[in-house]
Amino acid sequence: MGTFSFLDDYSEGAHPDILRMLVETNLTQQAPYGSDAFSSNAASRIKAHLGQTFDGAIHFVASGTMANIVSIASCLRPHEAVLAASSGHIVTREAGAIEATGHKLIVVPAVNGKITPEAIEAALAANAHFPHMAKPRLIYLSNATETGTIYTLTELRKISTLARQRGLILFLDGARLAAALASHKNDATLADIAAMVDLFWIGGTKVGALLGEAIVVCNPLLQEDFAFHLKQRGGMLAKGRLLGIQFQELFGDSRLFFSMAQHANAMAAKLATGITSAGYGLAAETETNQVFAIVPNPVVAALREAFAFYVWDKADDERSVIRLVTSWATKERQVDAFLLHLR
């Protein structure tokens, strides 16, 4: 067999149903800049999952980094800072994109990839010498986290309560929100999230779309002029229809957004079970579609002859932590082939 990639969940193009819809609607003339009928319909379908009292706005952008930049920068004044876990995506994987907007990142220790109320309180206390220190103003979460873990409903509620008590904005990066919602540990819904955070985004790129993310602005105070921030940051596409069509399909009758994540998680769970059955350890419990396996270095080298994946960290002198990511397109035979190479 040729090399199969477990590098990420976007190595494939897009789900065939999404491609078909893009082709079928190709010659339909539509208004530009997200004012098209497809984007409007997609927003309505998403809103149907956000609770009867939801009265927020939805904007579509092309990438996750763009969603983070626009969302965070739109909320903050120049002297205000972001609280984020040390393993957070904006800390480790976005080339200083948030700092480039002029906002300090206050990095706090992560617990299983997550930020905790205790860490938030400690960071607030340590960054309170005003006006000589940047003022903590926004809490950054990602669900699922960079290490594949998820926030339970109780954890989210505690952080949300703290944010409101301390006058902080709560923002959730949802690059792999579908995987989090499909997790066997999850007990939160999209409606729960919309009720607890000020704004968040729903990832499409990592769950079968060609590209695209949906920013959900929940707090009415943050909705005014949001489109101006989107335009100034280069996030407003002339052919916004391309994003709307994909989210219309993701949240259509076939519920692709949810079913594809369930499949990806199931493939990851099979990988994790097979890895431990072969006698190898896991660096973290597999809660979503990311598996972090601890494998001897010679085995890593052998696996790389047939599979692509990231060597995530050094476990010790003889072993490495490798990251394996499954997707909507991962076939069971590909998982079986990987596990066969472990024996």
C-alpha atoms as a PDB file:
ATOM      1  CA  MET A   1       0.000   0.000   0.000  1.00  0.00           C
ATOM      2  CA  GLY A   2       1.065   3.627  -0.497  1.00  0.00           C
ATOM      3  CA  THR A   3       1.603   6.095   2.297  1.00  0.00           C
ATOM      4  CA  PHE A   4      -1.599   6.921   4.180  1.00  0.00           C
ATOM      5  CA  SER A   5      -1.770  10.139   6.161  1.00  0.00           C
ATOM      6  CA  PHE A   6      -2.790  10.430   9.791  1.00  0.00           C
ATOM      7  CA  LEU A   7      -1.251  13.924   9.869  1.00  0.00           C
ATOM      8  CA  ASP A   8      -4.544  15.778  10.191  1.00  0.00           C
ATOM      9  CA  ASP A   9      -8.272  15.732   9.433  1.00  0.00           C
ATOM     10  CA  TYR A  10      -8.129  17.861   6.281  1.00  0.00           C
ATOM     11  CA  SER A  11      -5.737  15.974   3.996  1.00  0.00           C
ATOM     12  CA  GLU A  12      -8.696  14.976   1.808  1.00  0.00           C
ATOM     13  CA  GLY A  13     -10.629  17.535  -0.219  1.00  0.00           C
ATOM     14  CA  ALA A  14     -14.281  17.536   0.805  1.00  0.00           C
ATOM     15  CA  HIS A  15     -17.204  15.219   1.375  1.00  0.00           C
ATOM     16  CA  PRO A  16     -18.797  14.231  -1.975  1.00  0.00           C
ATOM     17  CA  ASP A  17     -22.184  15.689  -0.956  1.00  0.00           C
ATOM     18  CA  ILE A  18     -20.571  19.099  -0.467  1.00  0.00           C
ATOM     19  CA  LEU A  19     -18.764  18.906  -3.796  1.00  0.00           C
ATOM     20  CA  ARG A  20     -21.967  17.912  -5.538  1.00  0.00           C
ATOM     21  CA  MET A  21     -23.841  20.875  -4.064  1.00  0.00           C
ATOM     22  CA  LEU A  22     -21.067  23.265  -5.125  1.00  0.00           C
ATOM     23  CA  VAL A  23     -21.289  21.955  -8.688  1.00  0.00           C
ATOM     24  CA  GLU A  24     -25.105  21.960  -8.826  1.00  0.00           C
ATOM     25  CA  THR A  25     -25.319  25.593  -7.659  1.00  0.00           C
ATOM     26  CA  ASN A  26     -22.311  26.813  -9.639  1.00  0.00           C
ATOM     27  CA  LEU A  27     -24.193  28.893 -12.229  1.00  0.00           C
ATOM     28  CA  THR A  28     -26.750  30.324  -9.825  1.00  0.00           C
ATOM     29  CA  GLN A  29     -26.171  34.063  -9.528  1.00  0.00           C
ATOM     30  CA  GLN A  30     -26.025  35.264  -5.944  1.00  0.00           C
ATOM     31  CA  ALA A  31     -25.363  38.457  -4.003  1.00  0.00           C
ATOM     32  CA  PRO A  32     -21.712  38.855  -2.876  1.00  0.00           C
ATOM     33  CA  TYR A  33     -19.967  39.193   0.487  1.00  0.00           C
ATOM     34  CA  GLY A  34     -22.065  36.696   2.413  1.00  0.00           C
ATOM     35  CA  SER A  35     -25.419  38.245   1.498  1.00  0.00           C
ATOM     36  CA  ASP A  36     -26.364  35.263  -0.667  1.00  0.00           C
ATOM     37  CA  ALA A  37     -29.311  32.945  -0.115  1.00  0.00           C
ATOM     38  CA  PHE A  38     -27.063  29.959   0.676  1.00  0.00           C
ATOM     39  CA  SER A  39     -25.312  31.750   3.540  1.00  0.00           C
ATOM     40  CA  SER A  40     -28.645  32.951   4.892  1.00  0.00           C
ATOM     41  CA  ASN A  41     -30.057  29.431   4.765  1.00  0.00           C
ATOM     42  CA  ALA A  42     -26.902  28.000   6.372  1.00  0.00           C
ATOM     43  CA  ALA A  43     -27.129  30.535   9.199  1.00  0.00           C
ATOM     44  CA  SER A  44     -30.763  29.602   9.787  1.00  0.00           C
ATOM     45  CA  ARG A  45     -29.899  25.905   9.939  1.00  0.00           C
ATOM     46  CA  ILE A  46     -27.122  26.550  12.453  1.00  0.00           C
ATOM     47  CA  LYS A  47     -29.378  28.794  14.548  1.00  0.00           C
ATOM     48  CA  ALA A  48     -31.872  25.929  14.800  1.00  0.00           C
ATOM     49  CA  HIS A  49     -29.245  24.169  16.986  1.00  0.00           C
ATOM     50  CA  LEU A  50     -28.509  27.182  19.185  1.00  0.00           C
ATOM     51  CA  GLY A  51     -31.675  27.350  21.282  1.00  0.00           C
ATOM     52  CA  GLN A  52     -34.990  29.157  20.969  1.00  0.00           C
ATOM     53  CA  THR A  53     -33.726  32.263  22.754  1.00  0.00           C
ATOM     54  CA  PHE A  54     -30.607  32.656  20.610  1.00  0.00           C
ATOM     55  CA  ASP A  55     -30.553  36.072  18.963  1.00  0.00           C
ATOM     56  CA  GLY A  56     -26.959  36.304  17.773  1.00  0.00           C
ATOM     57  CA  ALA A  57     -25.266  36.721  14.421  1.00  0.00           C
ATOM     58  CA  ILE A  58     -23.357  34.264  12.243  1.00  0.00           C
ATOM     59  CA  HIS A  59     -20.500  35.136   9.898  1.00  0.00           C
ATOM     60  CA  PHE A  60     -18.572  32.786   7.627  1.00  0.00           C
ATOM     61  CA  VAL A  61     -14.797  32.961   7.109  1.00  0.00           C
ATOM     62  CA  ALA A  62     -12.313  30.844   5.210  1.00  0.00           C
ATOM     63  CA  SER A  63      -9.946  29.656   7.940  1.00  0.00           C
ATOM     64  CA  GLY A  64      -9.547  29.007  11.637  1.00  0.00           C
ATOM     65  CA  THR A  65      -6.714  31.481  12.103  1.00  0.00           C
ATOM     66  CA  MET A  66      -8.882  34.124  10.456  1.00  0.00           C
ATOM     67  CA  ALA A  67     -11.764  33.225  12.782  1.00  0.00           C
ATOM     68  CA  ASN A  68      -9.494  33.617  15.826  1.00  0.00           C
ATOM     69  CA  ILE A  69      -7.945  36.885  14.641  1.00  0.00           C
ATOM     70  CA  VAL A  70     -11.232  38.570  13.748  1.00  0.00           C
ATOM     71  CA  SER A  71     -13.120  37.314  16.787  1.00  0.00           C
ATOM     72  CA  ILE A  72     -10.481  38.220  19.348  1.00  0.00           C
ATOM     73  CA  ALA A  73      -9.331  41.518  17.865  1.00  0.00           C
ATOM     74  CA  SER A  74     -12.918  42.728  17.473  1.00  0.00           C
ATOM     75  CA  CYS A  75     -13.485  42.427  21.232  1.00  0.00           C
ATOM     76  CA  LEU A  76     -10.425  44.103  22.668  1.00  0.00           C
ATOM     77  CA  ARG A  77      -8.979  47.553  23.148  1.00  0.00           C
ATOM     78  CA  PRO A  78      -5.220  47.975  22.624  1.00  0.00           C
ATOM     79  CA  HIS A  79      -4.302  47.525  26.306  1.00  0.00           C
ATOM     80  CA  GLU A  80      -6.394  44.374  26.793  1.00  0.00           C
ATOM     81  CA  ALA A  81      -4.966  40.844  26.851  1.00  0.00           C
ATOM     82  CA  VAL A  82      -5.992  37.236  26.255  1.00  0.00           C
ATOM     83  CA  LEU A  83      -5.802  34.420  28.820  1.00  0.00           C
ATOM     84  CA  ALA A  84      -4.948  31.086  27.172  1.00  0.00           C
ATOM     85  CA  ALA A  85      -3.749  27.646  28.206  1.00  0.00           C
ATOM     86  CA  SER A  86      -0.095  26.923  27.440  1.00  0.00           C
ATOM     87  CA  SER A  87      -1.125  24.251  24.920  1.00  0.00           C
ATOM     88  CA  GLY A  88      -3.720  26.475  23.238  1.00  0.00           C
ATOM     89  CA  HIS A  89      -3.693  26.706  19.460  1.00  0.00           C
ATOM     90  CA  ILE A  90      -3.228  30.489  19.436  1.00  0.00           C
ATOM     91  CA  VAL A  91      -0.184  30.004  21.691  1.00  0.00           C
ATOM     92  CA  THR A  92       1.566  27.168  19.860  1.00  0.00           C
ATOM     93  CA  ARG A  93       0.334  27.016  16.260  1.00  0.00           C
ATOM     94  CA  GLU A  94      -0.569  30.441  14.847  1.00  0.00           C
ATOM     95  CA  ALA A  95       2.808  32.159  14.463  1.00  0.00           C
ATOM     96  CA  GLY A  96       1.961  34.939  16.899  1.00  0.00           C
ATOM     97  CA  ALA A  97      -1.163  35.961  14.958  1.00  0.00           C
ATOM     98  CA  ILE A  98      -2.941  37.348  18.014  1.00  0.00           C
ATOM     99  CA  GLU A  99       0.134  39.215  19.217  1.00  0.00           C
ATOM    100  CA  ALA A 100       0.415  40.680  15.710  1.00  0.00           C
ATOM    101  CA  THR A 101      -2.976  42.342  16.256  1.00  0.00           C
ATOM    102  CA  GLY A 102      -1.453  44.145  19.241  1.00  0.00           C
ATOM    103  CA  HIS A 103      -2.799  42.018  22.074  1.00  0.00           C
ATOM    104  CA  LYS A 104      -0.706  40.263  24.710  1.00  0.00           C
ATOM    105  CA  LEU A 105      -1.210  36.568  25.391  1.00  0.00           C
ATOM    106  CA  ILE A 106      -1.122  35.699  29.088  1.00  0.00           C
ATOM    107  CA  VAL A 107      -0.241  32.011  29.087  1.00  0.00           C
ATOM    108  CA  VAL A 108      -1.381  29.829  31.989  1.00  0.00           C
ATOM    109  CA  PRO A 109      -0.597  26.165  32.778  1.00  0.00           C
ATOM    110  CA  ALA A 110      -2.823  23.645  31.025  1.00  0.00           C
ATOM    111  CA  VAL A 111      -4.495  20.712  32.767  1.00  0.00           C
ATOM    112  CA  ASN A 112      -5.143  17.923  30.256  1.00  0.00           C
ATOM    113  CA  GLY A 113      -4.982  20.592  27.559  1.00  0.00           C
ATOM    114  CA  LYS A 114      -7.580  22.746  29.290  1.00  0.00           C
ATOM    115  CA  ILE A 115      -7.653  26.057  31.113  1.00  0.00           C
ATOM    116  CA  THR A 116      -9.143  25.909  34.623  1.00  0.00           C
ATOM    117  CA  PRO A 117     -10.932  28.445  36.850  1.00  0.00           C
ATOM    118  CA  GLU A 118      -8.052  28.211  39.317  1.00  0.00           C
ATOM    119  CA  ALA A 119      -5.519  29.071  36.608  1.00  0.00           C
ATOM    120  CA  ILE A 120      -7.660  31.974  35.464  1.00  0.00           C
ATOM    121  CA  GLU A 121      -7.924  33.372  38.985  1.00  0.00           C
ATOM    122  CA  ALA A 122      -4.166  33.041  39.488  1.00  0.00           C
ATOM    123  CA  ALA A 123      -3.468  34.828  36.204  1.00  0.00           C
ATOM    124  CA  LEU A 124      -5.845  37.656  37.096  1.00  0.00           C
ATOM    125  CA  ALA A 125      -4.086  38.134  40.419  1.00  0.00           C
ATOM    126  CA  ALA A 126      -0.644  38.089  38.796  1.00  0.00           C
ATOM    127  CA  ASN A 127      -1.586  40.607  36.111  1.00  0.00           C
ATOM    128  CA  ALA A 128      -3.355  43.289  38.128  1.00  0.00           C
ATOM    129  CA  HIS A 129      -0.720  46.015  38.496  1.00  0.00           C
ATOM    130  CA  PHE A 130      -2.653  48.562  36.444  1.00  0.00           C
ATOM    131  CA  PRO A 131      -1.974  50.559  34.340  1.00  0.00           C
ATOM    132  CA  HIS A 132       1.518  49.065  34.158  1.00  0.00           C
ATOM    133  CA  MET A 133       0.390  45.620  32.986  1.00  0.00           C
ATOM    134  CA  ALA A 134      -1.853  44.597  30.116  1.00  0.00           C
ATOM    135  CA  LYS A 135      -5.383  44.069  31.401  1.00  0.00           C
ATOM    136  CA  PRO A 136      -6.760  40.497  31.150  1.00  0.00           C
ATOM    137  CA  ARG A 137     -10.027  40.785  29.257  1.00  0.00           C
ATOM    138  CA  LEU A 138     -10.721  37.639  27.195  1.00  0.00           C
ATOM    139  CA  ILE A 139     -10.545  33.930  28.036  1.00  0.00           C
ATOM    140  CA  TYR A 140      -9.604  31.683  25.124  1.00  0.00           C
ATOM    141  CA  LEU A 141     -10.834  28.076  25.075  1.00  0.00           C
ATOM    142  CA  SER A 142     -10.654  25.467  22.351  1.00  0.00           C
ATOM    143  CA  ASN A 143     -13.008  22.522  22.242  1.00  0.00           C
ATOM    144  CA  ALA A 144     -11.695  20.000  21.434  1.00  0.00           C
ATOM    145  CA  THR A 145      -8.345  21.081  22.837  1.00  0.00           C
ATOM    146  CA  GLU A 146      -4.955  20.823  21.176  1.00  0.00           C
ATOM    147  CA  THR A 147      -4.439  17.511  22.966  1.00  0.00           C
ATOM    148  CA  GLY A 148      -7.802  16.082  21.906  1.00  0.00           C
ATOM    149  CA  THR A 149      -9.564  16.497  25.252  1.00  0.00           C
ATOM    150  CA  ILE A 150     -12.940  18.159  25.713  1.00  0.00           C
ATOM    151  CA  TYR A 151     -14.637  20.446  28.202  1.00  0.00           C
ATOM    152  CA  THR A 152     -17.601  18.922  29.992  1.00  0.00           C
ATOM    153  CA  LEU A 153     -20.750  20.952  30.565  1.00  0.00           C
ATOM    154  CA  THR A 154     -19.818  21.410  34.228  1.00  0.00           C
ATOM    155  CA  GLU A 155     -16.350  22.691  33.314  1.00  0.00           C
ATOM    156  CA  LEU A 156     -17.769  25.129  30.782  1.00  0.00           C
ATOM    157  CA  ARG A 157     -20.353  26.403  33.251  1.00  0.00           C
ATOM    158  CA  LYS A 158     -17.719  27.054  35.906  1.00  0.00           C
ATOM    159  CA  ILE A 159     -15.558  29.037  33.490  1.00  0.00           C
ATOM    160  CA  SER A 160     -18.581  30.906  32.124  1.00  0.00           C
ATOM    161  CA  THR A 161     -19.726  31.853  35.628  1.00  0.00           C
ATOM    162  CA  LEU A 162     -16.247  33.060  36.527  1.00  0.00           C
ATOM    163  CA  ALA A 163     -15.977  35.098  33.323  1.00  0.00           C
ATOM    164  CA  ARG A 164     -19.235  36.884  34.037  1.00  0.00           C
ATOM    165  CA  GLN A 165     -18.342  37.502  37.661  1.00  0.00           C
ATOM    166  CA  ARG A 166     -15.010  39.029  36.659  1.00  0.00           C
ATOM    167  CA  GLY A 167     -16.239  40.956  33.619  1.00  0.00           C
ATOM    168  CA  LEU A 168     -14.303  38.847  31.128  1.00  0.00           C
ATOM    169  CA  ILE A 169     -15.214  37.914  27.563  1.00  0.00           C
ATOM    170  CA  LEU A 170     -15.409  34.160  26.964  1.00  0.00           C
ATOM    171  CA  PHE A 171     -14.390  32.958  23.502  1.00  0.00           C
ATOM    172  CA  LEU A 172     -14.313  29.379  22.209  1.00  0.00           C
ATOM    173  CA  ASP A 173     -12.246  28.169  19.242  1.00  0.00           C
ATOM    174  CA  GLY A 174     -14.298  25.429  17.595  1.00  0.00           C
ATOM    175  CA  ALA A 175     -11.913  24.091  14.974  1.00  0.00           C
ATOM    176  CA  ARG A 176     -12.777  20.566  16.127  1.00  0.00           C
ATOM    177  CA  LEU A 177     -16.062  21.360  17.816  1.00  0.00           C
ATOM    178  CA  ALA A 178     -17.797  18.604  15.850  1.00  0.00           C
ATOM    179  CA  ALA A 179     -15.374  16.046  17.287  1.00  0.00           C
ATOM    180  CA  ALA A 180     -15.939  17.432  20.785  1.00  0.00           C
ATOM    181  CA  LEU A 181     -19.723  17.222  20.456  1.00  0.00           C
ATOM    182  CA  ALA A 182     -19.419  13.641  19.175  1.00  0.00           C
ATOM    183  CA  SER A 183     -17.138  12.576  22.032  1.00  0.00           C
ATOM    184  CA  HIS A 184     -18.267   9.785  24.346  1.00  0.00           C
ATOM    185  CA  LYS A 185     -17.456  12.165  27.219  1.00  0.00           C
ATOM    186  CA  ASN A 186     -19.477  15.095  25.934  1.00  0.00           C
ATOM    187  CA  ASP A 187     -22.661  16.255  27.643  1.00  0.00           C
ATOM    188  CA  ALA A 188     -22.920  19.763  26.145  1.00  0.00           C
ATOM    189  CA  THR A 189     -24.900  20.861  23.094  1.00  0.00           C
ATOM    190  CA  LEU A 190     -24.413  23.722  20.670  1.00  0.00           C
ATOM    191  CA  ALA A 191     -27.250  25.486  22.485  1.00  0.00           C
ATOM    192  CA  ASP A 192     -25.439  25.071  25.816  1.00  0.00           C
ATOM    193  CA  ILE A 193     -22.289  26.586  24.351  1.00  0.00           C
ATOM    194  CA  ALA A 194     -24.171  29.510  22.803  1.00  0.00           C
ATOM    195  CA  ALA A 195     -25.715  30.275  26.197  1.00  0.00           C
ATOM    196  CA  MET A 196     -22.378  30.224  28.053  1.00  0.00           C
ATOM    197  CA  VAL A 197     -19.919  32.048  25.794  1.00  0.00           C
ATOM    198  CA  ASP A 198     -19.823  35.494  24.231  1.00  0.00           C
ATOM    199  CA  LEU A 199     -18.700  34.246  20.862  1.00  0.00           C
ATOM    200  CA  PHE A 200     -17.386  31.034  19.328  1.00  0.00           C
ATOM    201  CA  TRP A 201     -16.866  29.456  15.979  1.00  0.00           C
ATOM    202  CA  ILE A 202     -17.891  26.204  14.368  1.00  0.00           C
ATOM    203  CA  GLY A 203     -15.201  24.501  12.323  1.00  0.00           C
ATOM    204  CA  GLY A 204     -15.981  23.204   8.844  1.00  0.00           C
ATOM    205  CA  THR A 205     -12.473  22.676   7.448  1.00  0.00           C
ATOM    206  CA  LYS A 206     -11.728  19.776   9.810  1.00  0.00           C
ATOM    207  CA  VAL A 207     -15.066  18.055   9.372  1.00  0.00           C
ATOM    208  CA  GLY A 208     -15.407  17.586   5.619  1.00  0.00           C
ATOM    209  CA  ALA A 209     -15.720  21.072   4.104  1.00  0.00           C
ATOM    210  CA  LEU A 210     -13.310  22.279   1.430  1.00  0.00           C
ATOM    211  CA  LEU A 211     -12.712  25.240   3.709  1.00  0.00           C
ATOM    212  CA  GLY A 212     -14.706  27.456   6.018  1.00  0.00           C
ATOM    213  CA  GLU A 213     -15.657  28.241   9.594  1.00  0.00           C
ATOM    214  CA  ALA A 214     -18.802  29.838  11.051  1.00  0.00           C
ATOM    215  CA  ILE A 215     -18.300  32.547  13.676  1.00  0.00           C
ATOM    216  CA  VAL A 216     -21.227  32.776  16.103  1.00  0.00           C
ATOM    217  CA  VAL A 217     -21.473  36.112  17.923  1.00  0.00           C
ATOM    218  CA  CYS A 218     -23.727  35.478  20.919  1.00  0.00           C
ATOM    219  CA  ASN A 219     -23.288  38.649  22.989  1.00  0.00           C
ATOM    220  CA  PRO A 220     -25.387  41.506  21.529  1.00  0.00           C
ATOM    221  CA  LEU A 221     -22.760  44.025  22.657  1.00  0.00           C
ATOM    222  CA  LEU A 222     -20.204  42.388  20.360  1.00  0.00           C
ATOM    223  CA  GLN A 223     -22.424  42.164  17.279  1.00  0.00           C
ATOM    224  CA  GLU A 224     -22.434  45.820  16.285  1.00  0.00           C
ATOM    225  CA  ASP A 225     -19.821  46.605  13.629  1.00  0.00           C
ATOM    226  CA  PHE A 226     -18.498  43.024  13.613  1.00  0.00           C
ATOM    227  CA  ALA A 227     -18.733  43.046   9.813  1.00  0.00           C
ATOM    228  CA  PHE A 228     -16.333  45.996   9.709  1.00  0.00           C
ATOM    229  CA  HIS A 229     -13.716  43.960  11.586  1.00  0.00           C
ATOM    230  CA  LEU A 230     -14.313  41.094   9.185  1.00  0.00           C
ATOM    231  CA  LYS A 231     -13.766  43.344   6.179  1.00  0.00           C
ATOM    232  CA  GLN A 232     -10.666  45.077   7.562  1.00  0.00           C
ATOM    233  CA  ARG A 233      -8.985  41.757   8.382  1.00  0.00           C
ATOM    234  CA  GLY A 234      -9.586  40.347   4.899  1.00  0.00           C
ATOM    235  CA  GLY A 235     -12.161  37.832   6.044  1.00  0.00           C
ATOM    236  CA  MET A 236     -15.101  38.957   3.911  1.00  0.00           C
ATOM    237  CA  LEU A 237     -15.107  36.929   0.689  1.00  0.00           C
ATOM    238  CA  ALA A 238     -16.657  38.318  -2.487  1.00  0.00           C
ATOM    239  CA  LYS A 239     -17.826  34.765  -3.257  1.00  0.00           C
ATOM    240  CA  GLY A 240     -19.184  34.202   0.233  1.00  0.00           C
ATOM    241  CA  ARG A 241     -21.681  31.786  -1.296  1.00  0.00           C
ATOM    242  CA  LEU A 242     -18.907  29.160  -1.383  1.00  0.00           C
ATOM    243  CA  LEU A 243     -18.835  29.090   2.411  1.00  0.00           C
ATOM    244  CA  GLY A 244     -22.603  29.300   2.802  1.00  0.00           C
ATOM    245  CA  ILE A 245     -23.222  26.356   0.467  1.00  0.00           C
ATOM    246  CA  GLN A 246     -20.896  24.138   2.470  1.00  0.00           C
ATOM    247  CA  PHE A 247     -22.438  24.951   5.848  1.00  0.00           C
ATOM    248  CA  GLN A 248     -25.900  24.595   4.368  1.00  0.00           C
ATOM    249  CA  GLU A 249     -24.916  21.043   3.480  1.00  0.00           C
ATOM    250  CA  LEU A 250     -23.098  20.339   6.770  1.00  0.00           C
ATOM    251  CA  PHE A 251     -26.219  21.266   8.738  1.00  0.00           C
ATOM    252  CA  GLY A 252     -28.730  19.860   6.252  1.00  0.00           C
ATOM    253  CA  ASP A 253     -31.074  16.934   6.641  1.00  0.00           C
ATOM    254  CA  SER A 254     -28.233  14.410   6.498  1.00  0.00           C
ATOM    255  CA  ARG A 255     -26.558  16.099   9.518  1.00  0.00           C
ATOM    256  CA  LEU A 256     -23.099  15.625   8.006  1.00  0.00           C
ATOM    257  CA  PHE A 257     -21.523  17.875  10.644  1.00  0.00           C
ATOM    258  CA  PHE A 258     -22.424  15.376  13.347  1.00  0.00           C
ATOM    259  CA  SER A 259     -22.193  12.063  11.482  1.00  0.00           C
ATOM    260  CA  MET A 260     -18.745  12.707  10.027  1.00  0.00           C
ATOM    261  CA  ALA A 261     -17.365  13.588  13.450  1.00  0.00           C
ATOM    262  CA  GLN A 262     -18.871  10.430  14.921  1.00  0.00           C
ATOM    263  CA  HIS A 263     -17.106   8.373  12.274  1.00  0.00           C
ATOM    264  CA  ALA A 264     -13.759  10.110  12.832  1.00  0.00           C
ATOM    265  CA  ASN A 265     -14.020   9.582  16.588  1.00  0.00           C
ATOM    266  CA  ALA A 266     -14.924   5.914  16.125  1.00  0.00           C
ATOM    267  CA  MET A 267     -11.846   5.365  13.971  1.00  0.00           C
ATOM    268  CA  ALA A 268      -9.672   7.092  16.590  1.00  0.00           C
ATOM    269  CA  ALA A 269     -11.163   4.936  19.335  1.00  0.00           C
ATOM    270  CA  LYS A 270     -10.336   1.801  17.349  1.00  0.00           C
ATOM    271  CA  LEU A 271      -6.777   3.054  16.828  1.00  0.00           C
ATOM    272  CA  ALA A 272      -6.361   3.752  20.551  1.00  0.00           C
ATOM    273  CA  THR A 273      -7.730   0.360  21.560  1.00  0.00           C
ATOM    274  CA  GLY A 274      -5.445  -1.413  19.107  1.00  0.00           C
ATOM    275  CA  ILE A 275      -2.388   0.525  20.241  1.00  0.00           C
ATOM    276  CA  THR A 276      -2.917  -0.336  23.904  1.00  0.00           C
ATOM    277  CA  SER A 277      -3.742  -3.954  23.023  1.00  0.00           C
ATOM    278  CA  ALA A 278      -0.378  -4.131  21.257  1.00  0.00           C
ATOM    279  CA  GLY A 279       1.290  -3.145  24.512  1.00  0.00           C
ATOM    280  CA  TYR A 280       1.977   0.529  23.854  1.00  0.00           C
ATOM    281  CA  GLY A 281       0.857   3.448  25.986  1.00  0.00           C
ATOM    282  CA  LEU A 282      -1.099   6.617  25.327  1.00  0.00           C
ATOM    283  CA  ALA A 283       0.072  10.080  26.365  1.00  0.00           C
ATOM    284  CA  ALA A 284      -3.556  11.145  26.818  1.00  0.00           C
ATOM    285  CA  GLU A 285      -6.934   9.488  26.880  1.00  0.00           C
ATOM    286  CA  THR A 286      -8.508   9.449  23.440  1.00  0.00           C
ATOM    287  CA  GLU A 287     -11.651  11.562  23.734  1.00  0.00           C
ATOM    288  CA  THR A 288     -12.038  12.782  20.141  1.00  0.00           C
ATOM    289  CA  ASN A 289     -10.310  12.094  16.809  1.00  0.00           C
ATOM    290  CA  GLN A 290      -6.717  12.590  17.967  1.00  0.00           C
ATOM    291  CA  VAL A 291      -4.623   9.743  19.333  1.00  0.00           C
ATOM    292  CA  PHE A 292      -1.323  10.395  21.117  1.00  0.00           C
ATOM    293  CA  ALA A 293       0.604   7.127  21.225  1.00  0.00           C
ATOM    294  CA  ILE A 294       3.900   6.429  22.998  1.00  0.00           C
ATOM    295  CA  VAL A 295       5.993   4.276  20.659  1.00  0.00           C
ATOM    296  CA  PRO A 296       9.647   3.111  20.629  1.00  0.00           C
ATOM    297  CA  ASN A 297      11.730   5.116  18.160  1.00  0.00           C
ATOM    298  CA  PRO A 298      12.584   2.121  15.918  1.00  0.00           C
ATOM    299  CA  VAL A 299       8.861   1.392  15.590  1.00  0.00           C
ATOM    300  CA  VAL A 300       8.240   5.049  14.707  1.00  0.00           C
ATOM    301  CA  ALA A 301      10.790   4.788  11.904  1.00  0.00           C
ATOM    302  CA  ALA A 302       9.197   1.610  10.578  1.00  0.00           C
ATOM    303  CA  LEU A 303       5.685   3.071  10.690  1.00  0.00           C
ATOM    304  CA  ARG A 304       6.817   6.117   8.719  1.00  0.00           C
ATOM    305  CA  GLU A 305       7.563   3.915   5.731  1.00  0.00           C
ATOM    306  CA  ALA A 306       3.831   3.391   5.199  1.00  0.00           C
ATOM    307  CA  PHE A 307       2.095   6.151   7.166  1.00  0.00           C
ATOM    308  CA  ALA A 308       2.414   9.900   7.652  1.00  0.00           C
ATOM    309  CA  PHE A 309       1.966  11.384  11.137  1.00  0.00           C
ATOM    310  CA  TYR A 310       3.551  13.933  13.430  1.00  0.00           C
ATOM    311  CA  VAL A 311       6.130  13.052  16.039  1.00  0.00           C
ATOM    312  CA  TRP A 312       4.531  15.273  18.661  1.00  0.00           C
ATOM    313  CA  ASP A 313       6.926  15.078  21.574  1.00  0.00           C
ATOM    314  CA  LYS A 314       9.797  13.175  23.134  1.00  0.00           C
ATOM    315  CA  ALA A 315       8.605  10.667  25.732  1.00  0.00           C
ATOM    316  CA  ASP A 316      12.118   9.629  26.817  1.00  0.00           C
ATOM    317  CA  ASP A 317      15.411   8.703  25.178  1.00  0.00           C
ATOM    318  CA  GLU A 318      13.956   5.552  23.612  1.00  0.00           C
ATOM    319  CA  ARG A 319      10.357   6.549  22.861  1.00  0.00           C
ATOM    320  CA  SER A 320       8.386   9.289  21.148  1.00  0.00           C
ATOM    321  CA  VAL A 321       4.808  10.548  21.339  1.00  0.00           C
ATOM    322  CA  ILE A 322       3.207  10.400  17.907  1.00  0.00           C
ATOM    323  CA  ARG A 323      -0.056  12.099  16.974  1.00  0.00           C
ATOM    324  CA  LEU A 324      -2.538  10.221  14.805  1.00  0.00           C
ATOM    325  CA  VAL A 325      -5.583  12.115  13.519  1.00  0.00           C
ATOM    326  CA  THR A 326      -8.578  10.441  11.910  1.00  0.00           C
ATOM    327  CA  SER A 327     -11.166  12.094   9.677  1.00  0.00           C
ATOM    328  CA  TRP A 328     -14.547  11.647   8.060  1.00  0.00           C
ATOM    329  CA  ALA A 329     -12.725   9.866   5.214  1.00  0.00           C
ATOM    330  CA  THR A 330     -10.612   7.450   7.287  1.00  0.00           C
ATOM    331  CA  LYS A 331     -11.429   3.892   6.324  1.00  0.00           C
ATOM    332  CA  GLU A 332     -11.421   1.045   8.811  1.00  0.00           C
ATOM    333  CA  ARG A 333      -8.983  -0.904   6.651  1.00  0.00           C
ATOM    334  CA  GLN A 334      -6.492   1.963   6.981  1.00  0.00           C
ATOM    335  CA  VAL A 335      -6.726   1.741  10.761  1.00  0.00           C
ATOM    336  CA  ASP A 336      -6.350  -2.036  10.555  1.00  0.00           C
ATOM    337  CA  ALA A 337      -3.258  -1.667   8.358  1.00  0.00           C
ATOM    338  CA  PHE A 338      -1.637   0.715  10.865  1.00  0.00           C
ATOM    339  CA  LEU A 339      -2.325  -1.634  13.770  1.00  0.00           C
ATOM    340  CA  LEU A 340      -0.944  -4.563  11.778  1.00  0.00           C
ATOM    341  CA  HIS A 341       2.355  -2.682  11.409  1.00  0.00           C
ATOM    342  CA  LEU A 342       2.565  -2.381  15.199  1.00  0.00           C
ATOM    343  CA  ARG A 343       2.761  -6.127  15.722  1.00  0.00           C
END
